[in-house]
Amino acid sequence: GVQTCALPIFTTNLAARGIDVPACKLVINFDMPSKLKETTADGKHIFEPDIESYLHRQGRTGRFGKYGKVINFVTCQLNRDLIKILQKYPYDLKFKEITES
């Protein structure tokens, strides 16, 4: 029989906006997108969730009515804030917390 395999594509936010992979069934976010909100007087950078970049990343899968999945590794409060924003949208979101044991 014919064997098929899937090759991973690693990309940045920039490429996520222009790349088109018709058969993409899975997107894995090792970090959630964020953008600079402000820089304080002492030079500290304050970031906020970047919902637009997140939606562009996820838009690579499940296109044109096809099934697709997204896995997010959420590791800090900023990432949790993005998840809270996403819960307001009509997406089928499921969360599983993985803790050290």
C-alpha atoms as a PDB file:
ATOM      1  CA  GLY A   1       0.000   0.000   0.000  1.00  0.00           C
ATOM      2  CA  VAL A   2       0.895   3.641  -0.220  1.00  0.00           C
ATOM      3  CA  GLN A   3       2.326   5.178   2.935  1.00  0.00           C
ATOM      4  CA  THR A   4       1.895   8.819   3.770  1.00  0.00           C
ATOM      5  CA  CYS A   5       3.592  10.888   6.406  1.00  0.00           C
ATOM      6  CA  ALA A   6       3.153  14.320   7.867  1.00  0.00           C
ATOM      7  CA  LEU A   7       6.035  16.735   8.060  1.00  0.00           C
ATOM      8  CA  PRO A   8       6.018  19.416  10.737  1.00  0.00           C
ATOM      9  CA  ILE A   9       6.235  23.068   9.801  1.00  0.00           C
ATOM     10  CA  PHE A  10       7.733  25.427  12.351  1.00  0.00           C
ATOM     11  CA  THR A  11       6.801  29.053  11.880  1.00  0.00           C
ATOM     12  CA  THR A  12       6.579  32.460  13.492  1.00  0.00           C
ATOM     13  CA  ASN A  13       3.661  34.871  13.758  1.00  0.00           C
ATOM     14  CA  LEU A  14       4.854  36.559  10.562  1.00  0.00           C
ATOM     15  CA  ALA A  15       4.649  33.379   8.476  1.00  0.00           C
ATOM     16  CA  ALA A  16       1.382  32.339  10.112  1.00  0.00           C
ATOM     17  CA  ARG A  17      -0.328  35.222   8.333  1.00  0.00           C
ATOM     18  CA  GLY A  18       0.710  34.233   4.826  1.00  0.00           C
ATOM     19  CA  ILE A  19       1.240  30.495   4.784  1.00  0.00           C
ATOM     20  CA  ASP A  20      -1.434  28.236   3.287  1.00  0.00           C
ATOM     21  CA  VAL A  21      -1.214  24.520   4.020  1.00  0.00           C
ATOM     22  CA  PRO A  22      -4.474  23.024   2.739  1.00  0.00           C
ATOM     23  CA  ALA A  23      -4.117  19.699   4.588  1.00  0.00           C
ATOM     24  CA  CYS A  24      -3.051  21.130   7.945  1.00  0.00           C
ATOM     25  CA  LYS A  25      -4.971  19.274  10.658  1.00  0.00           C
ATOM     26  CA  LEU A  26      -3.048  20.338  13.753  1.00  0.00           C
ATOM     27  CA  VAL A  27      -1.511  23.547  15.121  1.00  0.00           C
ATOM     28  CA  ILE A  28       0.580  23.419  18.301  1.00  0.00           C
ATOM     29  CA  ASN A  29       1.360  26.649  20.126  1.00  0.00           C
ATOM     30  CA  PHE A  30       4.438  26.318  22.297  1.00  0.00           C
ATOM     31  CA  ASP A  31       3.863  29.884  23.355  1.00  0.00           C
ATOM     32  CA  MET A  32       0.812  32.053  23.078  1.00  0.00           C
ATOM     33  CA  PRO A  33       1.142  35.236  21.043  1.00  0.00           C
ATOM     34  CA  SER A  34       1.559  38.508  22.879  1.00  0.00           C
ATOM     35  CA  LYS A  35       2.254  42.092  21.910  1.00  0.00           C
ATOM     36  CA  LEU A  36       3.900  45.021  23.611  1.00  0.00           C
ATOM     37  CA  LYS A  37       1.315  47.020  25.520  1.00  0.00           C
ATOM     38  CA  GLU A  38       3.609  49.664  26.978  1.00  0.00           C
ATOM     39  CA  THR A  39       7.083  50.416  28.203  1.00  0.00           C
ATOM     40  CA  THR A  40       7.290  51.856  31.688  1.00  0.00           C
ATOM     41  CA  ALA A  41       9.439  54.851  32.616  1.00  0.00           C
ATOM     42  CA  ASP A  42      12.079  52.496  34.016  1.00  0.00           C
ATOM     43  CA  GLY A  43      12.237  50.559  30.722  1.00  0.00           C
ATOM     44  CA  LYS A  44      10.161  47.530  31.719  1.00  0.00           C
ATOM     45  CA  HIS A  45       8.134  46.018  28.870  1.00  0.00           C
ATOM     46  CA  ILE A  46       4.495  45.183  29.622  1.00  0.00           C
ATOM     47  CA  PHE A  47       2.868  42.684  27.272  1.00  0.00           C
ATOM     48  CA  GLU A  48      -0.750  41.758  26.596  1.00  0.00           C
ATOM     49  CA  PRO A  49      -2.414  38.849  24.768  1.00  0.00           C
ATOM     50  CA  ASP A  50      -2.446  39.221  20.970  1.00  0.00           C
ATOM     51  CA  ILE A  51      -5.811  37.762  19.967  1.00  0.00           C
ATOM     52  CA  GLU A  52      -5.435  38.715  16.281  1.00  0.00           C
ATOM     53  CA  SER A  53      -2.166  36.788  15.915  1.00  0.00           C
ATOM     54  CA  TYR A  54      -3.694  33.850  17.776  1.00  0.00           C
ATOM     55  CA  LEU A  55      -6.619  33.700  15.348  1.00  0.00           C
ATOM     56  CA  HIS A  56      -4.246  33.857  12.364  1.00  0.00           C
ATOM     57  CA  ARG A  57      -2.208  30.973  13.784  1.00  0.00           C
ATOM     58  CA  GLN A  58      -5.300  28.845  14.330  1.00  0.00           C
ATOM     59  CA  GLY A  59      -6.628  29.760  10.903  1.00  0.00           C
ATOM     60  CA  ARG A  60      -4.019  27.447   9.390  1.00  0.00           C
ATOM     61  CA  THR A  61      -6.053  24.386  10.425  1.00  0.00           C
ATOM     62  CA  GLY A  62      -9.624  23.288   9.817  1.00  0.00           C
ATOM     63  CA  ARG A  63      -9.944  25.401   6.687  1.00  0.00           C
ATOM     64  CA  PHE A  64     -12.867  25.234   4.274  1.00  0.00           C
ATOM     65  CA  GLY A  65     -15.006  23.116   6.570  1.00  0.00           C
ATOM     66  CA  LYS A  66     -12.300  20.553   7.283  1.00  0.00           C
ATOM     67  CA  TYR A  67     -11.594  19.247  10.780  1.00  0.00           C
ATOM     68  CA  GLY A  68      -8.650  20.733  12.650  1.00  0.00           C
ATOM     69  CA  LYS A  69      -7.221  20.801  16.162  1.00  0.00           C
ATOM     70  CA  VAL A  70      -5.183  23.295  18.137  1.00  0.00           C
ATOM     71  CA  ILE A  71      -3.071  22.455  21.175  1.00  0.00           C
ATOM     72  CA  ASN A  72      -1.843  25.302  23.381  1.00  0.00           C
ATOM     73  CA  PHE A  73       0.851  25.025  26.023  1.00  0.00           C
ATOM     74  CA  VAL A  74      -0.186  27.602  28.628  1.00  0.00           C
ATOM     75  CA  THR A  75       2.627  28.369  31.046  1.00  0.00           C
ATOM     76  CA  CYS A  76       2.099  31.827  32.528  1.00  0.00           C
ATOM     77  CA  GLN A  77      -0.577  34.324  33.557  1.00  0.00           C
ATOM     78  CA  LEU A  78      -0.381  36.191  30.236  1.00  0.00           C
ATOM     79  CA  ASN A  79      -1.271  32.950  28.453  1.00  0.00           C
ATOM     80  CA  ARG A  80      -4.142  32.334  30.872  1.00  0.00           C
ATOM     81  CA  ASP A  81      -5.436  35.837  30.112  1.00  0.00           C
ATOM     82  CA  LEU A  82      -5.572  34.962  26.402  1.00  0.00           C
ATOM     83  CA  ILE A  83      -7.524  31.789  27.180  1.00  0.00           C
ATOM     84  CA  LYS A  84     -10.052  33.869  29.164  1.00  0.00           C
ATOM     85  CA  ILE A  85     -10.514  36.124  26.126  1.00  0.00           C
ATOM     86  CA  LEU A  86     -10.969  33.108  23.832  1.00  0.00           C
ATOM     87  CA  GLN A  87     -13.680  31.677  26.085  1.00  0.00           C
ATOM     88  CA  LYS A  88     -15.876  34.620  25.073  1.00  0.00           C
ATOM     89  CA  TYR A  89     -15.860  33.421  21.430  1.00  0.00           C
ATOM     90  CA  PRO A  90     -18.164  30.673  20.102  1.00  0.00           C
ATOM     91  CA  TYR A  91     -15.390  28.064  19.781  1.00  0.00           C
ATOM     92  CA  ASP A  92     -15.463  24.486  21.004  1.00  0.00           C
ATOM     93  CA  LEU A  93     -12.738  24.890  23.637  1.00  0.00           C
ATOM     94  CA  LYS A  94     -11.650  22.095  25.939  1.00  0.00           C
ATOM     95  CA  PHE A  95      -9.005  22.539  28.621  1.00  0.00           C
ATOM     96  CA  LYS A  96      -6.936  19.972  30.447  1.00  0.00           C
ATOM     97  CA  GLU A  97      -4.548  21.085  33.136  1.00  0.00           C
ATOM     98  CA  ILE A  98      -1.352  19.098  33.378  1.00  0.00           C
ATOM     99  CA  THR A  99       0.461  19.417  36.680  1.00  0.00           C
ATOM    100  CA  GLU A 100       3.607  17.910  38.103  1.00  0.00           C
ATOM    101  CA  SER A 101       2.957  14.965  40.370  1.00  0.00           C
END
